Amino acid sequence: MFMIIFFSAMSEQEMETQLSLTIILSATAVVVFLYWYLTSIFSYWEKRGVPFIKPLPVFGNVADYIFLRNTLAESYMKIYKTLEGHQFGGFYSGSTPNLILRDPVIIKKILVKDFNHFIDRNLSYVEKVAPLSCNLASLTGSCWRKLRMKLTPSFTSGKMRMMLPTIVRCSQHLVSFLGESADDNHILDIRNVVSNFTTDVIGSFAFGLEINSIKNPESEFRRMGNKVFQPTFITSALRCLGLIFRPILKLFRNPIASKDVNDFFLGIVKETMSYREKNKVVRNDFLQSMIQLKNKGKVDEDLVSSKDDHHLTNAETVSSSNEGEDEPLEMTDTLLAAQCFIFFLAGFETSSTTISCCLHELAVNPDIQERLRKEVDNVLIKHGGHITYEALQDLKYMDAVVDETLRKYPPAGILTRFCTKDYKIPGTNVKIDKETSVIIPVYAIHHDPKYYPDPEKFDPERFSDENIKISTKVYLFTFRRRSKDLYRFEVWPHASQSQPDSSPVKVQVLRV
């Protein structure tokens, strides 16, 4: 009996030893694997001879953004400055290698001349989960190209001219509201007021609705529009995790908007289109262009063309494979509603942000404000007191003020392009592999003293006709009317995530 007990005790001891040994070997194997994995993926740029920033395990080079210490634009600005002296450089979002561009010449080649290598943005397209995601910003390849060609006539100067009465009408509502507020000595959050104004303008032009958010800021349309820019905690967490581990975005198929937002905007477009078709109602707005696409397969051309539209008519010089090019693109109600939605999304937040920042700068720079006011007064006198399309063309200093606002406060702090086929960077031996994300740090370039001396100073003279003529600098991202060859540098709705925080300024409205 003693021998049996001894044997059992020895067996248990051996089992414990074997278990401990197994745990140690497994842990060692995991450590070795992680070391091999991290060193292999984090050697991606080093193997290719590309200057890069040493990453942190798991987070790569975006830890400051993940832990909310910086906005995404500020995080990329830090990377941009660290790579000073180089035309481009590598960094890591988590374990994913990305390339950031610093040289405006290379940026222009990638965004314009060699655009056919970078037509995608690597955004989620989940039509079944979120119908409004099948928009021009999210579509890829031949679907994007065919839709772009069909939508191009919607943005000619003639179409923009027809939009002006809508803007003027909404502006009159804004002026009336500000006058009443001044009479009552109200303190206004001008950011909210401007957001209501842009909601009215874009809502009217994109959806054909008279919203009047200025008088009714709690309208359902305004509430749903705001909801897009107020992501839930889960949505924000998924976006952060997706930045360091990209498959998460595909796994959870995170839509651009929640289901109730999708249903709301989809319902509005379908109901309005149905009403117009049944009652033969025609309006000069973007939704009417979508109805033409549905019924005719194309948008009617303007009766009067303009030399300013050559950037649109020549937009589709992008070469590509013929895969899928012969298949027609079905103009469904869902597809058309998605274009109205992205038109609203891209115009609402970016426009309100730009106007708010511009008003702030005019408030703290009274000399600029006075000069701009005199120009507006003189132009209105010249055009009989009417705000016309021709009158807007005469507002040269206004152009410069808006350009400088876009420089200092770019609505999109970064632009992202996804390499769709291998690309060799001109003048180098570096090849950008297919499926590599390329980052253009707009905010960082706009605040680089190399291109804009004293970048924190608000100086519209940077964009005066005289300085533009003598300047040798490259102004890439100001979306100027004169830079027609750069019109394809679209701004899409990620401003709240990409732009450094600029809290609204409380100002008192006074009668002047």
Protein backbone atom coordinates (compact mmCIF):
# COMPACT_ATOMS: atom_id res chain seq x y z
CA MET A 1 0.00 0.00 0.00
CA PHE A 2 2.91 2.34 0.76
CA MET A 3 4.36 1.70 -2.71
CA ILE A 4 1.06 2.57 -4.39
CA ILE A 5 0.77 5.88 -2.51
CA PHE A 6 4.40 6.77 -3.35
CA PHE A 7 3.85 5.96 -7.01
CA SER A 8 0.75 8.16 -7.12
CA ALA A 9 2.58 11.06 -5.51
CA MET A 10 5.43 10.77 -7.97
CA SER A 11 2.98 10.75 -10.87
CA GLU A 12 1.34 13.97 -9.70
CA GLN A 13 4.72 15.64 -9.31
CA GLU A 14 5.75 14.57 -12.78
CA MET A 15 2.48 15.85 -14.19
CA GLU A 16 2.99 19.24 -12.53
CA THR A 17 6.53 19.39 -13.88
CA GLN A 18 5.34 18.48 -17.35
CA LEU A 19 2.56 21.08 -17.18
CA SER A 20 4.99 23.78 -16.04
CA LEU A 21 7.37 22.84 -18.83
CA THR A 22 4.53 23.03 -21.37
CA ILE A 23 3.52 26.48 -20.14
CA ILE A 24 7.10 27.74 -20.28
CA LEU A 25 7.63 26.36 -23.79
CA SER A 26 4.30 27.79 -24.99
CA ALA A 27 5.05 31.20 -23.51
CA THR A 28 8.51 31.13 -25.08
CA ALA A 29 7.01 30.20 -28.44
CA VAL A 30 4.51 33.07 -28.18
CA VAL A 31 7.25 35.55 -27.28
CA VAL A 32 9.45 34.31 -30.13
CA PHE A 33 6.54 34.49 -32.56
CA LEU A 34 5.60 38.01 -31.45
CA TYR A 35 9.21 39.12 -31.72
CA TRP A 36 9.48 37.64 -35.21
CA TYR A 37 6.12 39.09 -36.24
CA LEU A 38 6.78 42.58 -34.93
CA THR A 39 10.32 42.74 -36.29
CA SER A 40 9.17 41.47 -39.68
CA ILE A 41 6.24 43.86 -40.08
CA PHE A 42 8.08 46.81 -38.55
CA SER A 43 10.98 46.26 -40.93
CA TYR A 44 8.73 46.88 -43.95
CA TRP A 45 10.01 50.39 -44.71
CA GLU A 46 13.58 49.65 -43.67
CA LYS A 47 13.80 46.82 -46.23
CA ARG A 48 12.62 49.21 -48.94
CA GLY A 49 15.12 51.92 -48.09
CA VAL A 50 12.42 54.38 -47.06
CA PRO A 51 13.06 56.74 -44.12
CA PHE A 52 10.68 55.85 -41.33
CA ILE A 53 9.83 56.55 -37.71
CA LYS A 54 10.48 53.80 -35.19
CA PRO A 55 7.06 52.53 -34.06
CA LEU A 56 5.72 51.39 -30.72
CA PRO A 57 4.48 47.81 -30.39
CA VAL A 58 0.76 47.42 -31.10
CA PHE A 59 0.09 51.16 -31.65
CA GLY A 60 2.73 51.94 -34.23
CA ASN A 61 3.09 55.73 -34.60
CA VAL A 62 -0.49 56.76 -33.78
CA ALA A 63 -0.59 56.20 -30.01
CA ASP A 64 -1.23 59.91 -29.34
CA TYR A 65 -4.42 59.75 -31.40
CA ILE A 66 -5.57 56.45 -29.91
CA PHE A 67 -5.21 57.84 -26.38
CA LEU A 68 -6.88 61.14 -27.37
CA ARG A 69 -3.80 63.25 -26.77
CA ASN A 70 -3.92 64.64 -30.33
CA THR A 71 -6.30 64.84 -33.24
CA LEU A 72 -5.43 62.72 -36.25
CA ALA A 73 -4.22 65.79 -38.15
CA GLU A 74 -1.97 66.78 -35.26
CA SER A 75 -0.59 63.24 -35.01
CA TYR A 76 0.29 63.30 -38.70
CA MET A 77 1.79 66.76 -38.30
CA LYS A 78 4.12 65.33 -35.67
CA ILE A 79 5.13 62.57 -38.09
CA TYR A 80 5.54 65.18 -40.85
CA LYS A 81 7.92 67.26 -38.73
CA THR A 82 9.91 64.22 -37.61
CA LEU A 83 10.58 63.35 -41.25
CA GLU A 84 11.82 66.86 -42.08
CA GLY A 85 14.43 66.81 -44.84
CA HIS A 86 12.79 63.91 -46.67
CA GLN A 87 10.35 63.97 -49.57
CA PHE A 88 8.31 61.20 -47.98
CA GLY A 89 8.56 58.69 -45.18
CA GLY A 90 7.07 55.57 -43.69
CA PHE A 91 5.13 55.13 -40.49
CA TYR A 92 2.80 52.56 -38.98
CA SER A 93 -0.86 52.68 -38.01
CA GLY A 94 -0.71 49.81 -35.57
CA SER A 95 1.10 47.18 -37.59
CA THR A 96 -0.02 48.55 -40.97
CA PRO A 97 2.65 50.39 -42.98
CA ASN A 98 1.56 53.76 -44.41
CA LEU A 99 3.42 56.32 -46.48
CA ILE A 100 3.24 60.03 -45.71
CA LEU A 101 4.13 62.56 -48.43
CA ARG A 102 6.00 65.81 -47.74
CA ASP A 103 6.93 67.01 -51.23
CA PRO A 104 4.19 69.03 -53.01
CA VAL A 105 5.55 68.01 -56.43
CA ILE A 106 5.15 64.31 -55.64
CA ILE A 107 1.75 64.98 -54.11
CA LYS A 108 0.56 66.68 -57.29
CA LYS A 109 1.78 63.77 -59.41
CA ILE A 110 -0.08 61.26 -57.26
CA LEU A 111 -3.30 63.27 -57.07
CA VAL A 112 -3.38 64.45 -60.68
CA LYS A 113 -0.96 63.07 -63.28
CA ASP A 114 -0.72 59.54 -61.88
CA PHE A 115 -4.16 59.51 -60.31
CA ASN A 116 -5.02 56.20 -61.99
CA HIS A 117 -2.80 54.45 -59.42
CA PHE A 118 -4.65 56.02 -56.48
CA ILE A 119 -8.34 56.26 -57.33
CA ASP A 120 -9.57 54.62 -54.10
CA ARG A 121 -9.79 55.94 -50.54
CA ASN A 122 -9.98 52.62 -48.69
CA LEU A 123 -13.34 53.50 -47.15
CA SER A 124 -15.97 50.93 -46.17
CA TYR A 125 -18.65 50.17 -48.76
CA VAL A 126 -21.45 48.23 -47.07
CA GLU A 127 -24.61 48.79 -49.10
CA LYS A 128 -26.59 45.96 -47.47
CA VAL A 129 -25.82 47.22 -43.96
CA ALA A 130 -25.90 50.95 -44.76
CA PRO A 131 -27.43 51.87 -48.14
CA LEU A 132 -26.07 55.43 -48.02
CA SER A 133 -22.50 54.12 -48.05
CA CYS A 134 -22.71 53.44 -51.80
CA ASN A 135 -21.69 57.02 -52.51
CA LEU A 136 -18.95 58.57 -54.61
CA ALA A 137 -16.61 58.79 -51.61
CA SER A 138 -16.79 55.08 -50.84
CA LEU A 139 -17.17 53.38 -54.22
CA THR A 140 -14.07 51.95 -55.84
CA GLY A 141 -12.71 50.98 -59.23
CA SER A 142 -14.98 50.96 -62.26
CA CYS A 143 -18.11 51.69 -60.20
CA TRP A 144 -16.55 54.91 -58.91
CA ARG A 145 -15.30 55.86 -62.37
CA LYS A 146 -18.65 55.36 -64.10
CA LEU A 147 -20.56 57.21 -61.41
CA ARG A 148 -18.03 60.05 -61.45
CA MET A 149 -18.54 60.46 -65.19
CA LYS A 150 -22.31 60.59 -64.77
CA LEU A 151 -22.17 63.08 -61.90
CA THR A 152 -19.60 65.43 -63.45
CA PRO A 153 -22.18 67.55 -65.39
CA SER A 154 -23.92 68.28 -62.07
CA PHE A 155 -21.03 70.51 -61.00
CA THR A 156 -20.49 72.82 -63.96
CA SER A 157 -20.42 76.58 -63.52
CA GLY A 158 -23.91 76.69 -65.01
CA LYS A 159 -25.25 74.38 -62.33
CA MET A 160 -23.50 76.40 -59.64
CA ARG A 161 -25.02 79.57 -61.10
CA MET A 162 -28.48 78.03 -60.75
CA MET A 163 -27.72 77.25 -57.11
CA LEU A 164 -27.08 80.91 -56.25
CA PRO A 165 -30.74 81.94 -55.68
CA THR A 166 -31.03 79.21 -53.05
CA ILE A 167 -27.97 80.54 -51.24
CA VAL A 168 -29.24 84.13 -51.46
CA ARG A 169 -32.65 83.14 -50.08
CA CYS A 170 -31.10 81.29 -47.13
CA SER A 171 -28.72 84.22 -46.58
CA GLN A 172 -31.67 86.58 -46.28
CA HIS A 173 -33.10 84.36 -43.54
CA LEU A 174 -29.72 84.48 -41.80
CA VAL A 175 -29.49 88.28 -42.02
CA SER A 176 -33.02 88.61 -40.67
CA PHE A 177 -32.23 86.30 -37.75
CA LEU A 178 -29.02 88.16 -36.89
CA GLY A 179 -30.85 91.47 -37.01
CA GLU A 180 -33.52 90.23 -34.60
CA SER A 181 -30.83 88.86 -32.28
CA ALA A 182 -29.02 92.20 -32.32
CA ASP A 183 -32.23 94.06 -31.48
CA ASP A 184 -32.85 91.71 -28.54
CA ASN A 185 -29.21 91.91 -27.42
CA HIS A 186 -28.84 88.12 -27.57
CA ILE A 187 -25.53 86.31 -27.15
CA LEU A 188 -25.12 83.78 -29.97
CA ASP A 189 -22.94 80.77 -30.54
CA ILE A 190 -22.04 81.71 -34.10
CA ARG A 191 -20.86 78.16 -34.85
CA ASN A 192 -24.39 76.84 -34.33
CA VAL A 193 -25.92 79.70 -36.31
CA VAL A 194 -23.63 79.04 -39.28
CA SER A 195 -24.28 75.29 -39.06
CA ASN A 196 -28.01 75.98 -39.28
CA PHE A 197 -27.39 78.20 -42.30
CA THR A 198 -25.33 75.59 -44.17
CA THR A 199 -27.91 72.94 -43.29
CA ASP A 200 -30.57 75.06 -44.96
CA VAL A 201 -28.47 75.70 -48.07
CA ILE A 202 -27.22 72.15 -48.62
CA GLY A 203 -30.52 70.63 -47.55
CA SER A 204 -32.40 72.72 -50.07
CA PHE A 205 -29.99 72.09 -52.93
CA ALA A 206 -29.36 68.40 -52.25
CA PHE A 207 -32.81 67.29 -51.10
CA GLY A 208 -35.13 70.02 -52.36
CA LEU A 209 -36.39 70.82 -48.87
CA GLU A 210 -37.13 74.15 -47.18
CA ILE A 211 -35.79 73.31 -43.73
CA ASN A 212 -35.30 76.74 -42.11
CA SER A 213 -33.02 75.45 -39.37
CA ILE A 214 -32.15 79.05 -38.52
CA LYS A 215 -35.64 79.52 -37.11
CA ASN A 216 -36.11 75.88 -36.12
CA PRO A 217 -32.74 74.48 -35.01
CA GLU A 218 -34.43 71.41 -33.49
CA SER A 219 -35.87 70.21 -36.80
CA GLU A 220 -35.69 66.50 -37.57
CA PHE A 221 -33.44 67.11 -40.55
CA ARG A 222 -30.98 69.14 -38.46
CA ARG A 223 -31.03 66.52 -35.71
CA MET A 224 -30.30 63.68 -38.12
CA GLY A 225 -27.55 65.68 -39.79
CA ASN A 226 -25.89 66.30 -36.43
CA LYS A 227 -26.15 62.64 -35.54
CA VAL A 228 -23.74 61.71 -38.32
CA PHE A 229 -21.06 63.87 -36.69
CA GLN A 230 -21.76 62.58 -33.19
CA PRO A 231 -20.59 58.96 -33.29
CA THR A 232 -21.39 56.61 -30.44
CA PHE A 233 -18.70 55.34 -28.10
CA ILE A 234 -18.71 51.97 -29.87
CA THR A 235 -18.36 53.60 -33.28
CA SER A 236 -15.48 55.78 -32.08
CA ALA A 237 -13.78 52.79 -30.47
CA LEU A 238 -14.09 50.76 -33.67
CA ARG A 239 -12.58 53.60 -35.70
CA CYS A 240 -9.61 53.85 -33.34
CA LEU A 241 -9.12 50.09 -33.30
CA GLY A 242 -9.52 50.01 -37.07
CA LEU A 243 -6.68 52.50 -37.36
CA ILE A 244 -4.25 50.12 -35.65
CA PHE A 245 -5.85 46.89 -36.86
CA ARG A 246 -7.51 47.45 -40.23
CA PRO A 247 -9.33 44.06 -40.48
CA ILE A 248 -11.58 45.21 -37.61
CA LEU A 249 -13.31 47.67 -39.94
CA LYS A 250 -14.04 44.92 -42.44
CA LEU A 251 -15.04 42.47 -39.71
CA PHE A 252 -17.58 44.79 -38.09
CA ARG A 253 -18.47 46.57 -41.36
CA ASN A 254 -18.85 49.91 -39.62
CA PRO A 255 -21.34 52.04 -41.66
CA ILE A 256 -21.05 55.76 -42.32
CA ALA A 257 -24.28 56.41 -40.39
CA SER A 258 -26.66 54.58 -38.06
CA LYS A 259 -29.73 52.74 -39.30
CA ASP A 260 -32.19 55.47 -38.32
CA VAL A 261 -30.10 58.08 -40.17
CA ASN A 262 -29.93 55.83 -43.24
CA ASP A 263 -33.68 55.24 -43.16
CA PHE A 264 -34.44 58.95 -42.67
CA PHE A 265 -32.39 60.31 -45.58
CA LEU A 266 -33.25 57.40 -47.86
CA GLY A 267 -36.94 57.98 -47.19
CA ILE A 268 -36.70 61.72 -47.87
CA VAL A 269 -35.05 61.22 -51.26
CA LYS A 270 -37.44 58.49 -52.39
CA GLU A 271 -40.53 60.45 -51.33
CA THR A 272 -39.34 63.70 -52.92
CA MET A 273 -38.35 62.00 -56.18
CA SER A 274 -41.69 60.21 -56.36
CA TYR A 275 -43.61 63.45 -55.70
CA ARG A 276 -41.71 65.38 -58.37
CA GLU A 277 -42.15 62.68 -60.98
CA LYS A 278 -45.88 62.32 -60.34
CA ASN A 279 -46.57 66.06 -60.23
CA LYS A 280 -44.08 67.12 -62.94
CA VAL A 281 -42.23 69.36 -60.48
CA VAL A 282 -38.82 70.63 -61.65
CA ARG A 283 -36.26 72.47 -59.50
CA ASN A 284 -32.75 73.69 -60.18
CA ASP A 285 -31.05 71.52 -57.59
CA PHE A 286 -28.87 68.46 -57.20
CA LEU A 287 -31.83 66.16 -56.63
CA GLN A 288 -33.21 67.15 -60.03
CA SER A 289 -29.92 66.01 -61.56
CA MET A 290 -30.39 62.66 -59.81
CA ILE A 291 -33.90 62.35 -61.25
CA GLN A 292 -32.46 63.02 -64.72
CA LEU A 293 -29.87 60.30 -64.12
CA LYS A 294 -32.59 57.86 -63.17
CA ASN A 295 -34.90 58.62 -66.10
CA LYS A 296 -32.41 59.50 -68.87
CA GLY A 297 -29.20 57.86 -67.71
CA LYS A 298 -27.42 61.21 -67.81
CA VAL A 299 -27.56 64.77 -66.47
CA ASP A 300 -28.65 67.42 -68.96
CA GLU A 301 -25.79 69.61 -70.15
CA ASP A 302 -25.88 73.35 -69.53
CA LEU A 303 -27.08 75.49 -72.41
CA VAL A 304 -24.13 77.79 -71.84
CA SER A 305 -20.75 76.22 -71.23
CA SER A 306 -17.86 77.98 -69.55
CA LYS A 307 -14.11 77.86 -69.94
CA ASP A 308 -14.06 77.35 -66.16
CA ASP A 309 -15.50 73.87 -66.68
CA HIS A 310 -12.55 72.30 -68.48
CA HIS A 311 -11.41 70.69 -65.23
CA LEU A 312 -14.72 68.78 -65.26
CA THR A 313 -14.95 67.79 -68.89
CA ASN A 314 -11.39 66.50 -68.83
CA ALA A 315 -11.74 64.83 -65.47
CA GLU A 316 -11.99 61.31 -66.79
CA THR A 317 -8.57 60.97 -68.37
CA VAL A 318 -7.87 58.22 -65.86
CA SER A 319 -6.58 55.11 -67.57
CA SER A 320 -7.46 51.73 -66.14
CA SER A 321 -8.13 48.15 -67.00
CA ASN A 322 -11.32 47.42 -68.87
CA GLU A 323 -12.61 45.11 -66.17
CA GLY A 324 -16.26 45.92 -65.51
CA GLU A 325 -16.20 49.02 -67.74
CA ASP A 326 -18.76 47.64 -70.21
CA GLU A 327 -21.28 46.78 -67.50
CA PRO A 328 -23.89 49.55 -67.09
CA LEU A 329 -24.27 51.18 -63.69
CA GLU A 330 -27.86 50.80 -62.53
CA MET A 331 -29.24 54.09 -61.26
CA THR A 332 -31.33 52.81 -58.35
CA ASP A 333 -33.14 55.06 -55.88
CA THR A 334 -30.71 53.90 -53.19
CA LEU A 335 -27.66 54.82 -55.26
CA LEU A 336 -29.05 58.26 -56.08
CA ALA A 337 -30.07 58.87 -52.46
CA ALA A 338 -26.52 58.04 -51.39
CA GLN A 339 -25.16 60.77 -53.68
CA CYS A 340 -27.55 63.34 -52.20
CA PHE A 341 -26.47 62.24 -48.74
CA ILE A 342 -22.74 62.56 -49.42
CA PHE A 343 -23.37 65.93 -51.09
CA PHE A 344 -25.00 67.08 -47.87
CA LEU A 345 -22.39 65.45 -45.66
CA ALA A 346 -19.43 66.87 -47.57
CA GLY A 347 -20.91 70.35 -47.79
CA PHE A 348 -22.57 70.86 -44.42
CA GLU A 349 -19.72 70.42 -41.93
CA THR A 350 -16.89 71.64 -44.15
CA SER A 351 -18.72 74.82 -45.17
CA SER A 352 -19.90 75.68 -41.66
CA THR A 353 -16.40 75.10 -40.27
CA THR A 354 -14.83 77.34 -42.91
CA ILE A 355 -17.37 80.13 -42.44
CA SER A 356 -17.03 79.99 -38.64
CA CYS A 357 -13.25 80.17 -38.77
CA CYS A 358 -13.41 82.99 -41.30
CA LEU A 359 -15.76 85.00 -39.08
CA HIS A 360 -13.45 84.43 -36.13
CA GLU A 361 -10.45 85.77 -38.05
CA LEU A 362 -12.42 88.78 -39.27
CA ALA A 363 -13.42 89.51 -35.67
CA VAL A 364 -9.82 89.47 -34.40
CA ASN A 365 -8.47 91.29 -37.48
CA PRO A 366 -10.67 94.40 -37.84
CA ASP A 367 -8.43 95.90 -40.53
CA ILE A 368 -9.04 92.88 -42.77
CA GLN A 369 -12.74 93.00 -41.93
CA GLU A 370 -13.00 96.67 -42.90
CA ARG A 371 -11.19 96.17 -46.20
CA LEU A 372 -13.42 93.22 -47.05
CA ARG A 373 -16.55 95.17 -46.13
CA LYS A 374 -15.55 98.04 -48.42
CA GLU A 375 -14.99 95.62 -51.29
CA VAL A 376 -18.43 94.06 -50.79
CA ASP A 377 -20.08 97.50 -50.64
CA ASN A 378 -18.32 98.65 -53.83
CA VAL A 379 -19.18 95.46 -55.73
CA LEU A 380 -22.83 95.69 -54.70
CA ILE A 381 -22.98 99.30 -55.92
CA LYS A 382 -21.45 98.20 -59.21
CA HIS A 383 -24.10 95.49 -59.65
CA GLY A 384 -27.11 97.52 -58.60
CA GLY A 385 -27.28 96.19 -55.07
CA HIS A 386 -27.90 92.61 -56.21
CA ILE A 387 -25.87 89.53 -55.28
CA THR A 388 -25.36 87.91 -58.67
CA TYR A 389 -23.01 85.27 -60.01
CA GLU A 390 -21.10 88.01 -61.85
CA ALA A 391 -20.86 90.09 -58.67
CA LEU A 392 -19.22 87.18 -56.85
CA GLN A 393 -16.53 87.00 -59.54
CA ASP A 394 -15.53 90.59 -58.68
CA LEU A 395 -14.91 89.82 -55.00
CA LYS A 396 -11.15 89.32 -55.37
CA TYR A 397 -10.26 90.12 -51.78
CA MET A 398 -13.08 87.86 -50.59
CA ASP A 399 -11.44 85.06 -52.58
CA ALA A 400 -8.15 85.73 -50.83
CA VAL A 401 -9.79 85.79 -47.39
CA VAL A 402 -11.53 82.46 -48.00
CA ASP A 403 -8.34 80.95 -49.43
CA GLU A 404 -6.39 81.99 -46.35
CA THR A 405 -9.11 80.55 -44.12
CA LEU A 406 -8.87 77.23 -45.96
CA ARG A 407 -5.11 77.32 -45.56
CA LYS A 408 -5.10 77.98 -41.84
CA TYR A 409 -8.16 75.87 -41.04
CA PRO A 410 -8.43 73.15 -43.71
CA PRO A 411 -11.77 71.34 -43.27
CA ALA A 412 -10.01 68.06 -44.04
CA GLY A 413 -6.75 67.91 -42.13
CA ILE A 414 -5.57 64.95 -44.17
CA LEU A 415 -6.26 63.31 -47.50
CA THR A 416 -5.90 59.56 -47.89
CA ARG A 417 -5.36 57.62 -51.08
CA PHE A 418 -5.18 53.86 -51.51
CA CYS A 419 -2.70 52.50 -54.02
CA THR A 420 -4.61 50.30 -56.48
CA LYS A 421 -1.57 49.17 -58.46
CA ASP A 422 2.17 49.29 -57.83
CA TYR A 423 3.65 52.74 -58.33
CA LYS A 424 7.25 53.90 -58.54
CA ILE A 425 7.75 57.36 -57.07
CA PRO A 426 9.22 59.57 -59.85
CA GLY A 427 12.90 60.37 -59.41
CA THR A 428 13.43 57.59 -56.87
CA ASN A 429 13.82 53.83 -56.71
CA VAL A 430 11.01 53.50 -54.17
CA LYS A 431 7.96 51.49 -55.16
CA ILE A 432 4.62 51.93 -53.42
CA ASP A 433 3.06 48.49 -53.23
CA LYS A 434 -0.55 47.86 -54.12
CA GLU A 435 -2.94 48.26 -51.15
CA THR A 436 -0.68 50.74 -49.37
CA SER A 437 -2.37 53.79 -47.86
CA VAL A 438 -0.79 57.11 -48.82
CA ILE A 439 -1.33 60.05 -46.47
CA ILE A 440 -1.27 63.69 -47.61
CA PRO A 441 -0.96 65.81 -44.44
CA VAL A 442 -2.88 68.88 -45.56
CA TYR A 443 -2.85 70.62 -42.19
CA ALA A 444 0.89 70.05 -41.74
CA ILE A 445 1.76 71.41 -45.20
CA HIS A 446 -0.49 74.43 -44.69
CA HIS A 447 1.43 75.23 -41.50
CA ASP A 448 4.91 74.59 -42.86
CA PRO A 449 6.95 77.86 -42.87
CA LYS A 450 8.76 76.53 -45.94
CA TYR A 451 5.62 77.09 -47.99
CA TYR A 452 3.77 79.67 -45.88
CA PRO A 453 6.03 82.03 -43.87
CA ASP A 454 4.66 82.83 -40.40
CA PRO A 455 1.91 80.22 -40.88
CA GLU A 456 -0.06 81.13 -37.74
CA LYS A 457 -0.63 84.65 -39.04
CA PHE A 458 -3.88 85.19 -40.92
CA ASP A 459 -2.73 86.99 -44.06
CA PRO A 460 -5.04 87.00 -47.12
CA GLU A 461 -2.33 88.82 -49.09
CA ARG A 462 -0.68 85.42 -49.60
CA PHE A 463 -3.36 84.80 -52.20
CA SER A 464 -3.61 88.21 -53.84
CA ASP A 465 -3.27 88.26 -57.62
CA GLU A 466 0.06 90.07 -57.31
CA ASN A 467 1.60 87.54 -54.93
CA ILE A 468 0.28 84.58 -56.88
CA LYS A 469 1.98 85.90 -60.03
CA ILE A 470 5.39 86.36 -58.41
CA SER A 471 5.24 83.41 -56.02
CA THR A 472 7.24 80.29 -56.79
CA LYS A 473 5.56 78.29 -54.04
CA VAL A 474 3.15 75.47 -54.68
CA TYR A 475 -0.31 76.11 -53.24
CA LEU A 476 -1.90 72.72 -53.40
CA PHE A 477 -4.83 72.50 -51.08
CA THR A 478 -6.66 75.81 -51.06
CA PHE A 479 -9.29 74.84 -53.66
CA ARG A 480 -8.89 78.15 -55.43
CA ARG A 481 -11.07 79.01 -58.40
CA ARG A 482 -7.90 79.75 -60.39
CA SER A 483 -6.36 76.34 -59.71
CA LYS A 484 -8.79 74.48 -61.91
CA ASP A 485 -6.40 71.59 -62.54
CA LEU A 486 -6.53 70.81 -58.81
CA TYR A 487 -10.31 70.58 -58.52
CA ARG A 488 -10.23 66.83 -58.08
CA PHE A 489 -8.74 67.25 -54.60
CA GLU A 490 -12.10 66.58 -52.98
CA VAL A 491 -12.92 67.26 -49.36
CA TRP A 492 -14.95 64.47 -47.76
CA PRO A 493 -16.60 64.30 -44.41
CA HIS A 494 -14.06 63.53 -41.72
CA ALA A 495 -13.42 67.06 -40.59
CA SER A 496 -14.40 66.51 -36.98
CA GLN A 497 -11.81 63.73 -36.70
CA SER A 498 -9.01 65.25 -38.70
CA GLN A 499 -8.97 68.92 -37.78
CA PRO A 500 -7.45 70.37 -34.62
CA ASP A 501 -10.11 71.53 -32.21
CA SER A 502 -11.32 75.06 -32.71
CA SER A 503 -13.96 75.84 -30.12
CA PRO A 504 -16.71 78.26 -31.14
CA VAL A 505 -16.28 81.83 -30.01
CA LYS A 506 -19.16 83.50 -28.19
CA VAL A 507 -19.77 86.86 -29.82
CA GLN A 508 -22.39 89.50 -29.25
CA VAL A 509 -24.34 90.50 -32.34
CA LEU A 510 -24.60 94.27 -32.69
CA ARG A 511 -26.60 96.39 -35.10
CA VAL A 512 -24.18 98.29 -37.36
